[in-house]
Amino acid sequence: MAKQLSRAEYEAFVGKEMGVSEWYTVTQEQIDQFAECTHDHQFIHVDPEAAAKTPFGTTIAHGFLTLSLLSAMVYEMPSITGVVMGVNYGMNKVRFVSPVKTGSRVRGRFVLQALDDIREGEIQTTLAVTVEIEGQEKPALVAEWLGRRYFGAPA
């Protein structure tokens, strides 16, 4: 479980790296399951024989699958004591910089860009996120992610 911080301790991270997640291996089984769930069966993701003939030489993860892994990775970052619920509020920016080849390991790097009061008992966080691919200089993706945190029953 991630470390619990007071609001002041958490807010001290603004402009700083909060942490780096563990490595996650992206498997063909995950890619196939994501294709089933999203109805995105493009050959580059699900057909190893056809994908081998592309410049990638193998199947690659859907960009949205890589983006979705952020949900697991962020749970490893510090959180604020007293938060009863957090919700994904969206993205300001997302760029899929490099493909994630099947079998690659990825991890998330998180920087707290901003923490803003929305209303009593509700804050918004802005995280700069980079998903790194083990052994590669260029990341899989970069994003600016918005989250809402509630300290009581939301209005």
Protein backbone atom coordinates (compact mmCIF):
# COMPACT_ATOMS: atom_id res chain seq x y z
CA MET A 1 0.00 0.00 0.00
CA ALA A 2 1.19 3.50 -0.84
CA LYS A 3 2.41 5.84 1.83
CA GLN A 4 -0.25 8.09 3.40
CA LEU A 5 0.75 11.77 3.69
CA SER A 6 -0.85 14.81 5.25
CA ARG A 7 -2.14 17.36 2.79
CA ALA A 8 0.84 19.62 3.55
CA GLU A 9 3.30 16.76 2.95
CA TYR A 10 1.54 15.83 -0.29
CA GLU A 11 1.39 19.44 -1.47
CA ALA A 12 5.16 19.73 -0.89
CA PHE A 13 5.54 17.46 -3.95
CA VAL A 14 4.18 20.14 -6.32
CA GLY A 15 6.81 20.52 -9.02
CA LYS A 16 8.63 17.37 -7.86
CA GLU A 17 8.69 13.70 -8.68
CA MET A 18 6.38 11.70 -6.43
CA GLY A 19 7.84 8.37 -7.39
CA VAL A 20 8.29 5.59 -9.90
CA SER A 21 6.13 2.48 -10.06
CA GLU A 22 7.29 -1.11 -10.23
CA TRP A 23 7.85 -2.67 -13.66
CA TYR A 24 4.83 -4.24 -15.39
CA THR A 25 5.29 -6.84 -18.13
CA VAL A 26 2.93 -6.43 -21.08
CA THR A 27 1.93 -9.89 -22.32
CA GLN A 28 0.21 -11.05 -25.49
CA GLU A 29 -2.60 -12.40 -23.30
CA GLN A 30 -3.22 -8.90 -21.88
CA ILE A 31 -3.17 -7.43 -25.38
CA ASP A 32 -5.63 -10.05 -26.63
CA GLN A 33 -7.95 -9.45 -23.66
CA PHE A 34 -7.80 -5.69 -24.24
CA ALA A 35 -8.64 -6.26 -27.92
CA GLU A 36 -11.67 -8.33 -26.89
CA CYS A 37 -12.83 -5.73 -24.40
CA THR A 38 -12.45 -2.75 -26.75
CA HIS A 39 -13.28 -4.51 -30.07
CA ASP A 40 -9.95 -3.28 -31.45
CA HIS A 41 -8.53 -6.29 -33.26
CA GLN A 42 -6.04 -4.50 -35.50
CA PHE A 43 -3.49 -7.08 -36.69
CA ILE A 44 -0.53 -5.18 -35.23
CA HIS A 45 -1.87 -6.10 -31.78
CA VAL A 46 -3.31 -9.59 -32.17
CA ASP A 47 -1.69 -11.34 -35.16
CA PRO A 48 1.95 -12.23 -34.37
CA GLU A 49 2.59 -13.62 -37.87
CA ALA A 50 1.38 -10.49 -39.68
CA ALA A 51 2.93 -8.17 -37.09
CA ALA A 52 6.32 -9.86 -37.58
CA LYS A 53 6.33 -8.42 -41.13
CA THR A 54 6.01 -4.83 -39.89
CA PRO A 55 8.87 -2.53 -38.85
CA PHE A 56 8.10 -3.48 -35.22
CA GLY A 57 8.84 -7.15 -35.88
CA THR A 58 6.23 -8.30 -33.36
CA THR A 59 2.86 -7.40 -31.92
CA ILE A 60 2.56 -4.21 -29.90
CA ALA A 61 0.26 -3.11 -27.10
CA HIS A 62 -2.63 -0.80 -27.85
CA GLY A 63 -1.72 2.74 -26.82
CA PHE A 64 -4.87 2.82 -24.71
CA LEU A 65 -3.80 -0.40 -22.95
CA THR A 66 -0.52 1.25 -21.97
CA LEU A 67 -2.45 4.33 -20.83
CA SER A 68 -4.82 2.12 -18.81
CA LEU A 69 -1.91 0.64 -16.87
CA LEU A 70 -1.53 4.04 -15.19
CA SER A 71 -4.50 3.07 -13.00
CA ALA A 72 -2.44 0.31 -11.38
CA MET A 73 0.80 2.29 -11.31
CA VAL A 74 -0.64 5.34 -9.54
CA TYR A 75 -1.73 3.20 -6.57
CA GLU A 76 1.96 2.86 -5.76
CA MET A 77 2.33 6.63 -5.31
CA PRO A 78 1.78 8.48 -2.02
CA SER A 79 -1.79 9.47 -1.21
CA ILE A 80 -3.40 12.00 1.11
CA THR A 81 -4.67 10.89 4.50
CA GLY A 82 -8.43 11.30 4.77
CA VAL A 83 -9.29 10.85 1.11
CA VAL A 84 -12.41 8.68 0.90
CA MET A 85 -12.62 8.52 -2.89
CA GLY A 86 -10.58 9.41 -5.94
CA VAL A 87 -11.83 9.64 -9.52
CA ASN A 88 -10.17 9.98 -12.89
CA TYR A 89 -11.07 13.44 -14.20
CA GLY A 90 -9.38 13.07 -17.59
CA MET A 91 -6.30 14.07 -19.49
CA ASN A 92 -5.11 17.44 -20.70
CA LYS A 93 -2.52 15.84 -22.98
CA VAL A 94 -1.54 12.35 -24.07
CA ARG A 95 1.17 11.42 -26.56
CA PHE A 96 2.04 7.85 -27.54
CA VAL A 97 5.75 8.30 -28.17
CA SER A 98 7.00 4.73 -28.72
CA PRO A 99 5.29 1.38 -29.28
CA VAL A 100 5.32 -1.15 -26.45
CA LYS A 101 6.35 -4.49 -27.95
CA THR A 102 4.86 -7.64 -26.50
CA GLY A 103 6.93 -8.87 -23.57
CA SER A 104 8.27 -5.40 -22.76
CA ARG A 105 8.34 -4.08 -19.22
CA VAL A 106 6.93 -0.63 -18.50
CA ARG A 107 6.73 1.60 -15.45
CA GLY A 108 5.21 4.95 -14.57
CA ARG A 109 7.08 8.04 -13.40
CA PHE A 110 4.86 10.63 -11.66
CA VAL A 111 5.41 14.35 -11.04
CA LEU A 112 2.78 16.35 -9.14
CA GLN A 113 2.31 19.49 -11.24
CA ALA A 114 -0.53 21.07 -9.30
CA LEU A 115 -2.95 20.59 -6.43
CA ASP A 116 -6.00 22.84 -6.54
CA ASP A 117 -8.99 23.28 -4.24
CA ILE A 118 -12.22 22.80 -6.18
CA ARG A 119 -14.71 23.19 -3.32
CA GLU A 120 -15.01 22.18 0.33
CA GLY A 121 -13.77 18.58 0.61
CA GLU A 122 -12.65 18.29 -3.04
CA ILE A 123 -9.28 18.85 -4.67
CA GLN A 124 -7.90 18.35 -8.15
CA THR A 125 -4.44 16.98 -8.85
CA THR A 126 -2.51 17.37 -12.07
CA LEU A 127 0.13 14.71 -12.64
CA ALA A 128 2.78 14.72 -15.34
CA VAL A 129 3.19 11.05 -16.17
CA THR A 130 5.80 9.26 -18.24
CA VAL A 131 5.53 5.56 -19.01
CA GLU A 132 9.02 4.25 -19.55
CA ILE A 133 9.98 1.11 -21.47
CA GLU A 134 12.78 -0.88 -19.88
CA GLY A 135 15.99 -0.57 -21.90
CA GLN A 136 14.73 2.23 -24.15
CA GLU A 137 15.53 5.90 -24.04
CA LYS A 138 12.23 7.09 -25.54
CA PRO A 139 9.15 6.55 -23.37
CA ALA A 140 5.99 4.72 -24.36
CA LEU A 141 3.85 7.74 -23.52
CA VAL A 142 3.73 11.08 -21.80
CA ALA A 143 0.54 12.51 -20.35
CA GLU A 144 -0.93 15.18 -18.12
CA TRP A 145 -3.51 13.46 -15.92
CA LEU A 146 -6.22 15.09 -13.85
CA GLY A 147 -7.68 13.47 -10.75
CA ARG A 148 -10.25 14.53 -8.21
CA ARG A 149 -9.96 13.57 -4.53
CA TYR A 150 -12.82 13.76 -2.05
CA PHE A 151 -12.48 14.08 1.71
CA GLY A 152 -16.17 13.54 2.46
CA ALA A 153 -19.36 12.61 0.62
CA PRO A 154 -19.17 14.37 -2.79
CA ALA A 155 -21.87 16.92 -3.59
